[in-house]
Protein backbone atom coordinates (compact mmCIF):
# COMPACT_ATOMS: atom_id res chain seq x y z
CA UNK A 1 -132.10 -56.63 -48.09
CA UNK A 2 -128.37 -56.53 -47.78
CA UNK A 3 -126.59 -53.22 -47.84
CA UNK A 4 -124.85 -52.60 -51.13
CA UNK A 5 -121.15 -51.89 -50.93
CA UNK A 6 -120.32 -48.18 -50.82
CA UNK A 7 -119.76 -46.46 -54.11
CA UNK A 8 -116.14 -45.86 -55.05
CA UNK A 9 -114.51 -43.19 -57.14
CA UNK A 10 -114.46 -43.96 -60.82
CA UNK A 11 -111.04 -44.57 -62.27
CA UNK A 12 -109.60 -41.35 -63.65
CA UNK A 13 -106.75 -40.74 -66.05
CA UNK A 14 -103.64 -39.61 -64.13
CA UNK A 15 -102.50 -36.03 -64.64
CA UNK A 16 -100.11 -35.44 -67.47
CA UNK A 17 -96.44 -35.43 -66.58
CA UNK A 18 -95.10 -32.09 -65.57
CA UNK A 19 -92.52 -30.49 -67.79
CA UNK A 20 -89.05 -30.61 -66.33
CA UNK A 21 -88.71 -26.89 -67.04
CA UNK A 22 -91.92 -25.85 -65.26
CA UNK A 23 -91.29 -23.05 -62.78
CA UNK A 24 -92.54 -22.74 -59.23
CA UNK A 25 -94.55 -19.67 -60.20
CA UNK A 26 -96.74 -21.62 -62.63
CA UNK A 27 -100.05 -21.79 -60.81
CA UNK A 28 -101.78 -25.12 -61.49
CA UNK A 29 -105.41 -25.09 -62.55
CA UNK A 30 -108.18 -26.23 -60.25
CA UNK A 31 -108.71 -29.32 -62.40
CA UNK A 32 -105.03 -30.24 -62.01
CA UNK A 33 -105.29 -29.88 -58.23
CA UNK A 34 -108.43 -32.02 -58.22
CA UNK A 35 -106.69 -34.77 -60.18
CA UNK A 36 -103.64 -34.65 -57.90
CA UNK A 37 -105.94 -34.77 -54.89
CA UNK A 38 -107.54 -37.96 -56.21
CA UNK A 39 -104.20 -39.56 -57.16
CA UNK A 40 -102.53 -38.75 -53.82
CA UNK A 41 -105.69 -39.40 -51.73
CA UNK A 42 -105.25 -36.01 -50.07
CA UNK A 43 -107.58 -33.01 -49.62
CA UNK A 44 -107.21 -30.35 -52.30
CA UNK A 45 -106.08 -27.77 -49.72
CA UNK A 46 -103.14 -29.97 -48.73
CA UNK A 47 -102.19 -30.59 -52.36
CA UNK A 48 -102.16 -26.83 -52.91
CA UNK A 49 -99.95 -26.40 -49.85
CA UNK A 50 -97.52 -29.00 -51.18
CA UNK A 51 -97.34 -27.26 -54.55
CA UNK A 52 -96.77 -23.91 -52.85
CA UNK A 53 -93.94 -25.39 -50.78
CA UNK A 54 -92.16 -26.44 -53.99
CA UNK A 55 -90.96 -29.72 -52.50
CA UNK A 56 -89.71 -28.36 -49.20
CA UNK A 57 -88.92 -30.94 -46.56
CA UNK A 58 -92.06 -32.52 -45.16
CA UNK A 59 -93.03 -35.99 -43.99
CA UNK A 60 -90.22 -38.53 -43.46
CA UNK A 61 -89.30 -41.06 -46.07
CA UNK A 62 -91.41 -43.74 -44.44
CA UNK A 63 -94.42 -41.87 -45.84
CA UNK A 64 -93.25 -42.38 -49.41
CA UNK A 65 -95.87 -43.62 -51.83
CA UNK A 66 -93.56 -46.51 -52.61
CA UNK A 67 -92.99 -47.39 -48.95
CA UNK A 68 -89.18 -47.76 -49.00
CA UNK A 69 -86.30 -46.31 -50.99
CA UNK A 70 -84.43 -48.12 -53.72
CA UNK A 71 -80.69 -47.75 -54.44
CA UNK A 72 -81.34 -45.23 -57.24
CA UNK A 73 -83.15 -42.92 -54.84
CA UNK A 74 -80.33 -43.14 -52.28
CA UNK A 75 -77.78 -42.29 -55.00
CA UNK A 76 -79.94 -39.33 -56.03
CA UNK A 77 -79.99 -38.07 -52.45
CA UNK A 78 -76.20 -38.24 -52.23
CA UNK A 79 -75.74 -36.34 -55.49
CA UNK A 80 -78.35 -33.63 -54.93
CA UNK A 81 -78.46 -33.31 -51.17
CA UNK A 82 -82.22 -33.71 -51.32
CA UNK A 83 -83.83 -35.96 -48.68
CA UNK A 84 -87.35 -36.61 -47.46
CA UNK A 85 -89.14 -34.28 -49.85
CA UNK A 86 -92.56 -35.60 -48.85
CA UNK A 87 -95.52 -36.86 -50.85
CA UNK A 88 -95.34 -34.11 -53.49
CA UNK A 89 -91.70 -34.90 -54.28
CA UNK A 90 -92.50 -38.61 -54.40
CA UNK A 91 -95.32 -37.97 -56.85
CA UNK A 92 -93.18 -35.70 -59.04
CA UNK A 93 -90.47 -38.34 -59.07
CA UNK A 94 -93.02 -41.00 -60.10
CA UNK A 95 -94.20 -38.69 -62.90
CA UNK A 96 -90.68 -38.20 -64.26
CA UNK A 97 -90.05 -34.62 -63.09
CA UNK A 98 -86.73 -33.57 -61.60
CA UNK A 99 -86.53 -32.50 -57.99
CA UNK A 100 -83.24 -30.77 -57.31
CA UNK A 101 -81.73 -28.29 -54.91
CA UNK A 102 -83.28 -25.42 -56.87
CA UNK A 103 -86.71 -26.81 -55.99
CA UNK A 104 -86.22 -26.55 -52.23
CA UNK A 105 -84.77 -23.12 -51.64
CA UNK A 106 -85.79 -20.87 -48.77
CA UNK A 107 -89.51 -21.53 -49.13
CA UNK A 108 -91.10 -22.34 -45.75
CA UNK A 109 -92.10 -25.98 -45.15
CA UNK A 110 -95.75 -26.87 -45.65
CA UNK A 111 -98.11 -27.79 -42.87
CA UNK A 112 -97.92 -31.45 -41.91
CA UNK A 113 -99.85 -33.41 -44.51
CA UNK A 114 -102.51 -35.82 -43.34
CA UNK A 115 -105.33 -37.60 -45.08
CA UNK A 116 -106.88 -38.52 -41.77
CA UNK A 117 -110.57 -39.01 -41.11
CA UNK A 118 -111.00 -35.93 -38.95
CA UNK A 119 -109.65 -32.50 -38.06
CA UNK A 120 -109.31 -32.71 -34.27
CA UNK A 121 -106.57 -34.33 -32.21
CA UNK A 122 -106.86 -37.97 -31.23
CA UNK A 123 -108.63 -38.83 -27.98
CA UNK A 124 -106.41 -40.79 -25.55
CA UNK A 125 -107.22 -44.49 -25.65
CA UNK A 126 -108.11 -44.56 -21.97
CA UNK A 127 -110.84 -41.96 -22.61
CA UNK A 128 -112.06 -43.49 -25.86
CA UNK A 129 -114.47 -46.34 -26.44
CA UNK A 130 -113.87 -49.21 -23.99
CA UNK A 131 -116.25 -52.15 -23.96
CA UNK A 132 -115.43 -53.10 -20.35
CA UNK A 133 -115.05 -49.64 -18.77
CA UNK A 134 -118.44 -49.57 -17.00
CA UNK A 135 -119.31 -53.27 -16.79
CA UNK A 136 -120.04 -55.16 -13.61
CA UNK A 137 -121.63 -58.57 -13.43
CA UNK A 138 -121.15 -62.32 -13.28
CA UNK A 139 -119.72 -64.87 -15.69
CA UNK A 140 -121.88 -67.23 -17.78
CA UNK A 141 -120.26 -70.02 -19.75
CA UNK A 142 -121.42 -72.49 -22.39
CA UNK A 143 -119.18 -75.12 -23.96
CA UNK A 144 -116.82 -77.72 -22.60
CA UNK A 145 -114.86 -77.92 -19.36
CA UNK A 146 -112.85 -80.86 -20.72
CA UNK A 147 -110.02 -78.56 -21.80
CA UNK A 148 -107.30 -81.14 -22.64
CA UNK A 149 -109.40 -82.80 -25.38
CA UNK A 150 -110.55 -79.70 -27.28
CA UNK A 151 -109.41 -79.89 -30.87
CA UNK A 152 -107.68 -83.20 -30.27
CA UNK A 153 -110.60 -85.61 -30.09
CA UNK A 154 -113.10 -85.65 -32.93
CA UNK A 155 -116.68 -85.22 -31.74
CA UNK A 156 -119.68 -86.59 -33.61
CA UNK A 157 -122.86 -84.54 -33.60
CA UNK A 158 -124.56 -87.14 -31.40
CA UNK A 159 -121.73 -87.34 -28.85
CA UNK A 160 -122.40 -86.14 -25.31
CA UNK A 161 -119.87 -85.56 -22.60
CA UNK A 162 -120.43 -85.05 -18.86
CA UNK A 163 -118.07 -82.04 -18.83
CA UNK A 164 -119.83 -80.23 -21.67
CA UNK A 165 -122.10 -77.31 -20.78
CA UNK A 166 -124.61 -77.55 -23.62
CA UNK A 167 -126.42 -74.38 -22.51
CA UNK A 168 -125.28 -71.22 -20.68
CA UNK A 169 -124.45 -71.80 -17.01
CA UNK A 170 -123.64 -69.09 -14.47
CA UNK A 171 -120.34 -69.63 -12.69
CA UNK A 172 -121.60 -69.46 -9.10
CA UNK A 173 -120.23 -66.85 -6.69
CA UNK A 174 -118.32 -69.50 -4.74
CA UNK A 175 -115.86 -69.67 -7.64
CA UNK A 176 -115.12 -65.95 -7.46
CA UNK A 177 -116.00 -65.15 -3.87
CA UNK A 178 -118.18 -62.07 -3.53
CA UNK A 179 -116.45 -60.10 -6.30
CA UNK A 180 -118.08 -58.60 -9.35
CA UNK A 181 -116.44 -59.14 -12.73
CA UNK A 182 -115.84 -56.36 -15.28
CA UNK A 183 -114.21 -58.28 -18.16
CA UNK A 184 -113.69 -61.80 -19.50
CA UNK A 185 -111.09 -62.96 -22.00
CA UNK A 186 -110.51 -65.90 -24.32
CA UNK A 187 -109.94 -66.13 -28.07
CA UNK A 188 -110.53 -68.24 -31.16
CA UNK A 189 -107.26 -70.17 -30.67
CA UNK A 190 -107.45 -70.42 -26.87
CA UNK A 191 -108.56 -73.24 -24.58
CA UNK A 192 -108.04 -71.10 -21.49
CA UNK A 193 -109.93 -68.12 -20.05
CA UNK A 194 -109.52 -65.16 -17.72
CA UNK A 195 -111.84 -62.93 -15.74
CA UNK A 196 -110.96 -59.59 -14.14
CA UNK A 197 -112.90 -58.28 -11.17
CA UNK A 198 -114.07 -54.70 -10.79
CA UNK A 199 -111.15 -54.27 -8.35
CA UNK A 200 -108.63 -55.54 -10.91
CA UNK A 201 -108.09 -59.02 -9.45
CA UNK A 202 -107.30 -61.79 -11.97
CA UNK A 203 -108.91 -65.25 -12.22
CA UNK A 204 -108.04 -67.99 -14.71
CA UNK A 205 -109.13 -71.46 -15.80
CA UNK A 206 -108.71 -73.86 -18.71
CA UNK A 207 -105.75 -75.51 -20.44
CA UNK A 208 -102.39 -74.92 -18.73
CA UNK A 209 -99.93 -77.28 -20.44
CA UNK A 210 -97.57 -74.41 -21.34
CA UNK A 211 -98.23 -72.47 -18.11
CA UNK A 212 -100.45 -70.06 -20.04
CA UNK A 213 -102.29 -69.38 -16.78
CA UNK A 214 -99.05 -68.47 -15.03
CA UNK A 215 -99.24 -71.62 -12.91
CA UNK A 216 -96.90 -74.66 -12.91
CA UNK A 217 -97.62 -76.78 -16.02
CA UNK A 218 -100.66 -79.04 -15.77
CA UNK A 219 -103.21 -80.45 -18.23
CA UNK A 220 -105.88 -77.99 -17.13
CA UNK A 221 -107.50 -76.01 -14.34
CA UNK A 222 -111.17 -76.99 -14.36
CA UNK A 223 -112.74 -73.94 -12.71
CA UNK A 224 -111.66 -70.33 -12.03
CA UNK A 225 -108.89 -69.78 -9.50
CA UNK A 226 -107.39 -66.53 -8.21
CA UNK A 227 -104.05 -65.70 -9.82
CA UNK A 228 -101.19 -63.54 -8.62
CA UNK A 229 -97.95 -62.31 -10.09
CA UNK A 230 -95.19 -59.74 -9.94
CA UNK A 231 -97.70 -56.90 -10.37
CA UNK A 232 -98.68 -57.36 -6.73
CA UNK A 233 -101.75 -55.34 -5.81
CA UNK A 234 -101.79 -53.26 -9.00
CA UNK A 235 -105.13 -53.67 -10.81
CA UNK A 236 -105.21 -55.63 -14.05
CA UNK A 237 -106.60 -53.39 -16.81
CA UNK A 238 -106.61 -55.73 -19.80
CA UNK A 239 -105.76 -59.37 -20.48
CA UNK A 240 -105.61 -61.46 -23.66
CA UNK A 241 -105.04 -65.08 -24.64
CA UNK A 242 -103.25 -66.80 -27.52
CA UNK A 243 -103.07 -70.50 -28.26
CA UNK A 244 -100.47 -71.17 -25.56
CA UNK A 245 -99.60 -67.75 -24.16
CA UNK A 246 -101.23 -64.90 -22.27
CA UNK A 247 -100.48 -61.24 -21.64
CA UNK A 248 -101.93 -58.64 -19.27
CA UNK A 249 -101.39 -54.97 -18.55
CA UNK A 250 -101.51 -52.95 -15.34
CA UNK A 251 -101.31 -49.14 -15.06
CA UNK A 252 -97.50 -49.28 -15.17
CA UNK A 253 -96.36 -52.48 -16.94
CA UNK A 254 -97.24 -55.54 -19.00
CA UNK A 255 -96.66 -59.19 -18.03
CA UNK A 256 -96.79 -62.40 -20.06
CA UNK A 257 -96.60 -66.15 -19.51
CA UNK A 258 -96.67 -69.39 -21.50
CA UNK A 259 -95.11 -70.35 -24.81
CA UNK A 260 -92.48 -68.00 -26.28
CA UNK A 261 -91.41 -70.02 -29.32
CA UNK A 262 -91.76 -67.01 -31.65
CA UNK A 263 -91.11 -64.21 -29.16
CA UNK A 264 -94.81 -63.63 -28.52
CA UNK A 265 -94.25 -62.98 -24.80
CA UNK A 266 -92.24 -59.83 -25.60
CA UNK A 267 -89.47 -60.75 -23.18
CA UNK A 268 -86.65 -59.63 -25.45
CA UNK A 269 -85.22 -63.13 -25.47
CA UNK A 270 -85.55 -66.43 -27.32
CA UNK A 271 -86.54 -68.45 -24.26
CA UNK A 272 -88.89 -71.24 -25.38
CA UNK A 273 -91.47 -70.51 -22.67
CA UNK A 274 -92.03 -69.00 -19.26
CA UNK A 275 -93.70 -70.96 -16.46
CA UNK A 276 -94.53 -67.76 -14.59
CA UNK A 277 -95.64 -64.20 -15.32
CA UNK A 278 -92.69 -62.08 -16.47
CA UNK A 279 -92.45 -58.38 -17.26
CA UNK A 280 -92.60 -57.52 -20.97
CA UNK A 281 -90.21 -55.28 -22.86
CA UNK A 282 -91.24 -52.85 -25.59
CA UNK A 283 -89.70 -50.49 -28.10
CA UNK A 284 -91.20 -47.25 -29.39
CA UNK A 285 -94.17 -46.97 -27.03
CA UNK A 286 -95.29 -43.41 -26.21
CA UNK A 287 -96.55 -44.41 -22.78
CA UNK A 288 -97.77 -47.40 -20.79
CA UNK A 289 -99.61 -50.16 -22.62
CA UNK A 290 -103.38 -50.09 -22.10
CA UNK A 291 -104.85 -52.76 -24.41
CA UNK A 292 -103.65 -56.14 -25.64
CA UNK A 293 -104.84 -58.86 -28.03
CA UNK A 294 -103.31 -62.18 -29.04
CA UNK A 295 -103.34 -64.33 -32.15
CA UNK A 296 -102.21 -67.92 -32.20
CA UNK A 297 -98.50 -67.07 -31.86
CA UNK A 298 -98.28 -63.27 -31.91
CA UNK A 299 -99.26 -60.34 -29.71
CA UNK A 300 -100.68 -56.89 -30.47
CA UNK A 301 -100.88 -53.96 -28.04
CA UNK A 302 -101.84 -50.29 -27.86
CA UNK A 303 -100.16 -47.71 -25.69
CA UNK A 304 -101.96 -44.81 -24.00
CA UNK A 305 -101.73 -42.68 -27.14
CA UNK A 306 -103.11 -45.40 -29.44
CA UNK A 307 -99.75 -46.35 -30.98
CA UNK A 308 -99.71 -49.89 -32.39
CA UNK A 309 -97.10 -52.40 -31.16
CA UNK A 310 -96.63 -56.04 -32.22
CA UNK A 311 -94.36 -59.01 -31.57
CA UNK A 312 -94.19 -62.75 -32.25
CA UNK A 313 -94.57 -64.76 -35.44
CA UNK A 314 -94.16 -62.90 -38.75
CA UNK A 315 -94.88 -65.69 -41.27
CA UNK A 316 -98.05 -64.14 -42.72
CA UNK A 317 -97.34 -60.47 -42.01
CA UNK A 318 -98.90 -60.59 -38.54
CA UNK A 319 -96.41 -58.01 -37.24
CA UNK A 320 -97.60 -55.31 -39.65
CA UNK A 321 -94.02 -54.22 -40.32
CA UNK A 322 -94.10 -54.68 -44.10
CA UNK A 323 -92.37 -58.04 -44.33
CA UNK A 324 -92.34 -61.66 -43.23
CA UNK A 325 -88.58 -61.77 -42.64
CA UNK A 326 -88.36 -65.01 -44.59
CA UNK A 327 -84.85 -66.45 -44.94
CA UNK A 328 -83.15 -69.77 -45.66
CA UNK A 329 -81.72 -71.71 -42.73
CA UNK A 330 -80.51 -74.44 -45.05
CA UNK A 331 -81.07 -75.13 -48.73
CA UNK A 332 -84.34 -76.88 -47.89
CA UNK A 333 -85.46 -75.09 -44.71
CA UNK A 334 -87.09 -71.67 -44.42
CA UNK A 335 -87.47 -69.63 -41.23
CA UNK A 336 -88.89 -66.19 -40.41
CA UNK A 337 -87.38 -63.19 -38.66
CA UNK A 338 -89.81 -62.96 -35.77
CA UNK A 339 -89.85 -60.18 -33.19
CA UNK A 340 -89.17 -60.87 -29.49
CA UNK A 341 -90.43 -57.59 -28.06
CA UNK A 342 -93.44 -55.35 -28.65
CA UNK A 343 -92.29 -52.82 -31.25
CA UNK A 344 -94.12 -49.74 -32.51
CA UNK A 345 -95.57 -49.92 -36.05
CA UNK A 346 -96.33 -46.58 -37.65
CA UNK A 347 -96.84 -47.26 -41.37
CA UNK A 348 -100.45 -47.63 -42.53
CA UNK A 349 -101.53 -48.00 -46.15
CA UNK A 350 -104.62 -47.79 -48.33
CA UNK A 351 -105.67 -49.09 -51.73
CA UNK A 352 -108.97 -48.04 -53.25
CA UNK A 353 -111.27 -50.63 -54.77
CA UNK A 354 -110.89 -48.91 -58.14
CA UNK A 355 -107.13 -49.50 -58.17
CA UNK A 356 -105.67 -52.23 -60.35
CA UNK A 357 -104.43 -55.41 -58.71
CA UNK A 358 -100.91 -54.65 -59.87
CA UNK A 359 -100.88 -51.25 -58.18
CA UNK A 360 -99.22 -51.24 -54.74
CA UNK A 361 -100.98 -49.65 -51.77
CA UNK A 362 -100.06 -46.04 -50.95
CA UNK A 363 -98.88 -44.89 -47.55
CA UNK A 364 -101.27 -42.92 -45.37
CA UNK A 365 -99.60 -39.65 -44.43
CA UNK A 366 -99.64 -38.60 -40.82
CA UNK A 367 -99.90 -40.64 -37.63
CA UNK A 368 -102.71 -43.16 -37.19
CA UNK A 369 -103.83 -43.91 -33.65
CA UNK A 370 -106.04 -46.85 -32.71
CA UNK A 371 -108.56 -47.57 -29.96
CA UNK A 372 -109.81 -51.14 -30.58
CA UNK A 373 -107.87 -54.25 -31.63
CA UNK A 374 -108.72 -57.93 -32.11
CA UNK A 375 -106.74 -60.89 -33.41
CA UNK A 376 -107.77 -63.98 -35.34
CA UNK A 377 -105.55 -66.99 -35.78
CA UNK A 378 -103.10 -65.13 -38.03
CA UNK A 379 -104.68 -61.74 -38.74
CA UNK A 380 -105.55 -58.53 -36.89
CA UNK A 381 -108.31 -55.93 -37.19
CA UNK A 382 -108.08 -52.47 -35.63
CA UNK A 383 -110.39 -49.44 -35.36
CA UNK A 384 -108.99 -45.91 -35.42
CA UNK A 385 -109.29 -43.79 -32.29
CA UNK A 386 -111.82 -41.00 -32.10
CA UNK A 387 -110.93 -37.33 -32.41
CA UNK A 388 -111.86 -34.20 -30.49
CA UNK A 389 -113.65 -32.71 -33.53
CA UNK A 390 -116.11 -34.17 -36.05
CA UNK A 391 -114.52 -37.31 -37.39
CA UNK A 392 -114.98 -40.80 -38.67
CA UNK A 393 -113.04 -43.87 -37.65
CA UNK A 394 -111.21 -46.00 -40.16
CA UNK A 395 -110.73 -49.76 -39.97
CA UNK A 396 -107.43 -51.50 -40.76
CA UNK A 397 -106.56 -55.18 -41.19
CA UNK A 398 -103.33 -57.08 -41.80
CA UNK A 399 -101.80 -60.56 -41.66
CA UNK A 400 -103.09 -63.74 -43.30
CA UNK A 401 -105.84 -63.09 -45.85
CA UNK A 402 -107.28 -66.57 -46.32
CA UNK A 403 -111.06 -66.75 -46.82
CA UNK A 404 -111.14 -62.98 -47.30
CA UNK A 405 -110.84 -62.29 -43.57
CA UNK A 406 -108.99 -59.01 -44.25
CA UNK A 407 -111.93 -57.59 -46.22
CA UNK A 408 -109.83 -56.49 -49.21
CA UNK A 409 -111.80 -58.53 -51.77
CA UNK A 410 -108.93 -60.98 -52.28
CA UNK A 411 -107.39 -63.97 -50.51
CA UNK A 412 -104.08 -62.23 -50.16
CA UNK A 413 -101.90 -61.52 -47.13
CA UNK A 414 -101.20 -57.94 -46.11
CA UNK A 415 -97.86 -57.16 -44.49
CA UNK A 416 -98.88 -53.66 -43.42
CA UNK A 417 -102.05 -52.37 -41.71
CA UNK A 418 -104.30 -51.63 -44.69
CA UNK A 419 -107.47 -49.57 -44.76
CA UNK A 420 -110.68 -51.54 -45.32
CA UNK A 421 -112.02 -49.21 -48.01
CA UNK A 422 -115.55 -50.66 -47.94
CA UNK A 423 -116.01 -49.25 -44.42
CA UNK A 424 -115.54 -45.60 -45.32
CA UNK A 425 -117.91 -43.14 -46.86
CA UNK A 426 -120.93 -41.05 -45.82
CA UNK A 427 -122.75 -44.00 -44.22
CA UNK A 428 -119.82 -44.42 -41.80
CA UNK A 429 -119.59 -40.76 -40.81
CA UNK A 430 -119.95 -39.23 -37.32
CA UNK A 431 -122.72 -41.01 -35.43
CA UNK A 432 -122.38 -44.21 -37.44
CA UNK A 433 -118.64 -44.79 -37.42
CA UNK A 434 -117.02 -48.10 -36.44
CA UNK A 435 -116.16 -48.29 -32.73
CA UNK A 436 -115.22 -51.89 -31.93
CA UNK A 437 -114.06 -55.05 -33.64
CA UNK A 438 -113.79 -58.82 -33.20
CA UNK A 439 -111.90 -61.56 -35.01
CA UNK A 440 -112.35 -65.30 -35.39
CA UNK A 441 -109.91 -67.78 -36.82
CA UNK A 442 -110.70 -66.65 -40.38
CA UNK A 443 -113.48 -64.07 -40.02
CA UNK A 444 -113.91 -60.50 -38.81
CA UNK A 445 -116.71 -58.35 -37.36
CA UNK A 446 -116.94 -54.60 -36.81
CA UNK A 447 -119.65 -52.85 -34.75
CA UNK A 448 -120.66 -49.22 -35.40
CA UNK A 449 -121.96 -46.48 -33.13
CA UNK A 450 -125.47 -47.21 -34.41
CA UNK A 451 -125.20 -50.80 -33.23
CA UNK A 452 -124.93 -52.25 -36.72
CA UNK A 453 -122.58 -55.16 -37.35
CA UNK A 454 -120.49 -55.84 -40.46
CA UNK A 455 -119.05 -59.27 -41.18
CA UNK A 456 -116.50 -60.71 -43.62
CA UNK A 457 -114.42 -63.89 -43.98
CA UNK A 458 -115.70 -67.35 -43.16
CA UNK A 459 -116.44 -69.28 -39.98
CA UNK A 460 -118.76 -72.01 -41.28
CA UNK A 461 -117.53 -75.29 -42.74
CA UNK A 462 -119.83 -74.99 -45.75
CA UNK A 463 -120.64 -72.11 -48.04
CA UNK A 464 -118.62 -69.41 -49.76
CA UNK A 465 -116.31 -66.96 -48.05
CA UNK A 466 -117.43 -63.34 -47.77
CA UNK A 467 -114.60 -61.32 -49.32
CA UNK A 468 -115.61 -57.85 -48.10
CA UNK A 469 -117.73 -56.37 -45.26
CA UNK A 470 -121.50 -56.81 -45.46
CA UNK A 471 -124.19 -55.63 -43.11
CA UNK A 472 -125.59 -58.24 -40.72
CA UNK A 473 -129.07 -57.65 -42.08
CA UNK A 474 -130.76 -60.31 -39.96
CA UNK A 475 -130.09 -57.99 -37.01
CA UNK A 476 -130.38 -54.56 -38.63
CA UNK A 477 -133.59 -55.31 -40.53
CA UNK A 478 -135.28 -56.43 -37.31
CA UNK A 479 -134.26 -53.32 -35.34
CA UNK A 480 -131.75 -55.19 -33.19
CA UNK A 481 -129.08 -52.88 -31.80
CA UNK A 482 -125.84 -54.79 -31.45
CA UNK A 483 -124.08 -54.18 -28.14
CA UNK A 484 -121.22 -56.70 -28.33
CA UNK A 485 -119.95 -59.42 -30.66
CA UNK A 486 -117.17 -61.96 -30.93
CA UNK A 487 -115.96 -64.81 -33.14
CA UNK A 488 -114.51 -68.20 -32.24
CA UNK A 489 -112.84 -70.99 -34.15
CA UNK A 490 -116.02 -71.94 -36.00
CA UNK A 491 -118.81 -69.92 -34.45
CA UNK A 492 -119.88 -66.32 -33.86
CA UNK A 493 -122.01 -64.71 -31.14
CA UNK A 494 -123.93 -61.43 -31.01
CA UNK A 495 -125.62 -59.80 -28.02
CA UNK A 496 -128.20 -57.06 -28.49
CA UNK A 497 -129.38 -54.09 -26.48
CA UNK A 498 -132.74 -55.90 -26.14
CA UNK A 499 -131.04 -58.57 -24.00
CA UNK A 500 -131.11 -61.24 -26.67
CA UNK A 501 -128.24 -63.41 -27.90
CA UNK A 502 -127.71 -64.91 -31.35
CA UNK A 503 -125.15 -67.59 -32.29
CA UNK A 504 -124.47 -69.73 -35.33
CA UNK A 505 -121.74 -71.84 -36.87
CA UNK A 506 -120.18 -75.04 -35.55
CA UNK A 507 -120.54 -75.92 -31.87
CA UNK A 508 -119.54 -79.54 -31.17
CA UNK A 509 -118.72 -78.75 -27.54
CA UNK A 510 -121.92 -76.85 -26.78
CA UNK A 511 -120.45 -73.41 -27.47
CA UNK A 512 -123.60 -72.35 -29.37
CA UNK A 513 -125.64 -72.72 -26.18
CA UNK A 514 -128.70 -74.40 -27.73
CA UNK A 515 -129.04 -77.02 -24.97
CA UNK A 516 -128.72 -80.79 -24.79
CA UNK A 517 -131.56 -81.37 -27.23
CA UNK A 518 -130.64 -78.48 -29.50
CA UNK A 519 -128.42 -78.61 -32.59
CA UNK A 520 -124.63 -78.57 -32.33
CA UNK A 521 -124.30 -76.57 -35.50
CA UNK A 522 -126.40 -74.04 -37.36
CA UNK A 523 -125.81 -72.48 -40.74
CA UNK A 524 -128.33 -69.76 -39.90
CA UNK A 525 -128.41 -67.36 -36.92
CA UNK A 526 -130.51 -68.65 -34.00
CA UNK A 527 -131.56 -67.10 -30.72
CA UNK A 528 -130.08 -68.63 -27.58
CA UNK A 529 -133.27 -69.03 -25.56
CA UNK A 530 -131.42 -69.57 -22.28
CA UNK A 531 -129.96 -66.06 -22.63
CA UNK A 532 -133.28 -64.29 -23.23
CA UNK A 533 -133.50 -61.34 -20.86
CA UNK A 534 -129.82 -61.58 -19.91
CA UNK A 535 -128.09 -58.21 -20.15
CA UNK A 536 -124.83 -59.43 -21.67
CA UNK A 537 -122.37 -56.55 -21.81
CA UNK A 538 -119.54 -58.66 -23.19
CA UNK A 539 -119.18 -61.93 -25.09
CA UNK A 540 -115.94 -63.79 -25.84
CA UNK A 541 -115.69 -66.86 -28.05
CA UNK A 542 -112.93 -69.36 -27.40
CA UNK A 543 -111.98 -72.71 -28.84
CA UNK A 544 -114.82 -74.94 -27.56
CA UNK A 545 -116.39 -72.37 -25.26
CA UNK A 546 -118.28 -69.08 -25.11
CA UNK A 547 -118.18 -66.64 -22.19
CA UNK A 548 -120.72 -63.94 -21.34
CA UNK A 549 -120.46 -61.14 -18.82
CA UNK A 550 -124.01 -60.60 -17.60
CA UNK A 551 -125.05 -57.53 -15.65
CA UNK A 552 -127.51 -57.37 -12.79
CA UNK A 553 -127.76 -59.84 -9.93
CA UNK A 554 -127.29 -63.59 -10.30
CA UNK A 555 -130.59 -64.28 -8.55
CA UNK A 556 -132.43 -62.17 -11.14
CA UNK A 557 -131.07 -64.04 -14.15
């Protein structure tokens, strides 16, 4: 039985407009505070503090309920001297009340307002949930090794190819030497892969036409080879792949290679591509970058504090900066103002399910820090970082919203990171909060602390799109604890704590792992028998391939 969507607040009538002559000494009733709390999405204590402050300077204007100022507001600031009056002033202005100099006299400023999911300070990303932090094992691959033809040559269901791995195969130690691997990387738009050893050494294989492996251009590199770059002996901490570009981070810097058509390499220039690893530039980071993810032509990163940074293509709102930057090159040609360096994004929004379609999202007050990120073809999903005290973790999505992959119950793009309201409530409290995420071309998955998975979007050719998160009941109802998950171009894969693997979707290249005599597509989840008993600590789905990081010894598998 599928989990019903969480209950939402019933729509309430907004509070009556305040009289323009109301004085600061008029104490509002508890019902008024409750209504304001609901309208502003803030705790009642913080609403009371705002009222007590009488509009004193608080959060910056970027936290306005309307998101950005209009000319009338700027003129009002010039005439009254009032600036950045915070959420209470914004609400009063929306309700038609006057906010003048007399409203912001010598009263002390209120405490910083925040409608966050917890009371404690954010845990540094390096100390928070990390899927690869304690992994050590060997690489197992299913899918094709014929990298140049993926997505370019149509495959019939009956077609076989000598370079297709129809079932999971361990990449023998001779390909990696005697090293153990702690993470693998590929993505739904990628035909190339990386592996990072427990010592931080980098290996790569797959398509290399745009030098996305950091090697001189070539059709492909068939099997893993050791890679080097300007980072020298510094250990690689994280690596990610886009369609034709790659990015990695070390303890002190980030490096990228491949196509740079839209600035996705974060080089601070408009160079079309880079045939070698080059150091990235960033703006607004609070420390070194620690995690990266790539969409088809954009890049997302987190610094050590969990601050979000993005660069690359902005056509569908992938940058999360509130706009696409669309402009006319000529009367018949449109272009987009892309970003050529990783830039901090600090505005997050929410819109409750009870809100009308015409109502714009409201800004979330206070900083939002993240710990897990994943990119689809043109969208991103992120999970909020944990806190030192009791807390929940919120989930945000932005970018292209086709097939409902953003989880906002509509096929609509989002230009700012927006809260997935279905994934909040008592059932997602401490102990069952979201901790990790994955994204396919047009689908999204989130895994909770309990090991439950939630899915939305669409990855199958047939059937309807799932417009909001639903519980993966075929796992939860059979007591399967989900340990890791990922999504590819047309397939998804789940690995459980019981050492079992489930895949379904389209797998013309063998990426489902059902073997030479097994189906190349499945509309229903199926166990991958060849992976029974394999302790897969990580799974990554690429375009035409699936990678597993399996613990234990190769001889035991």
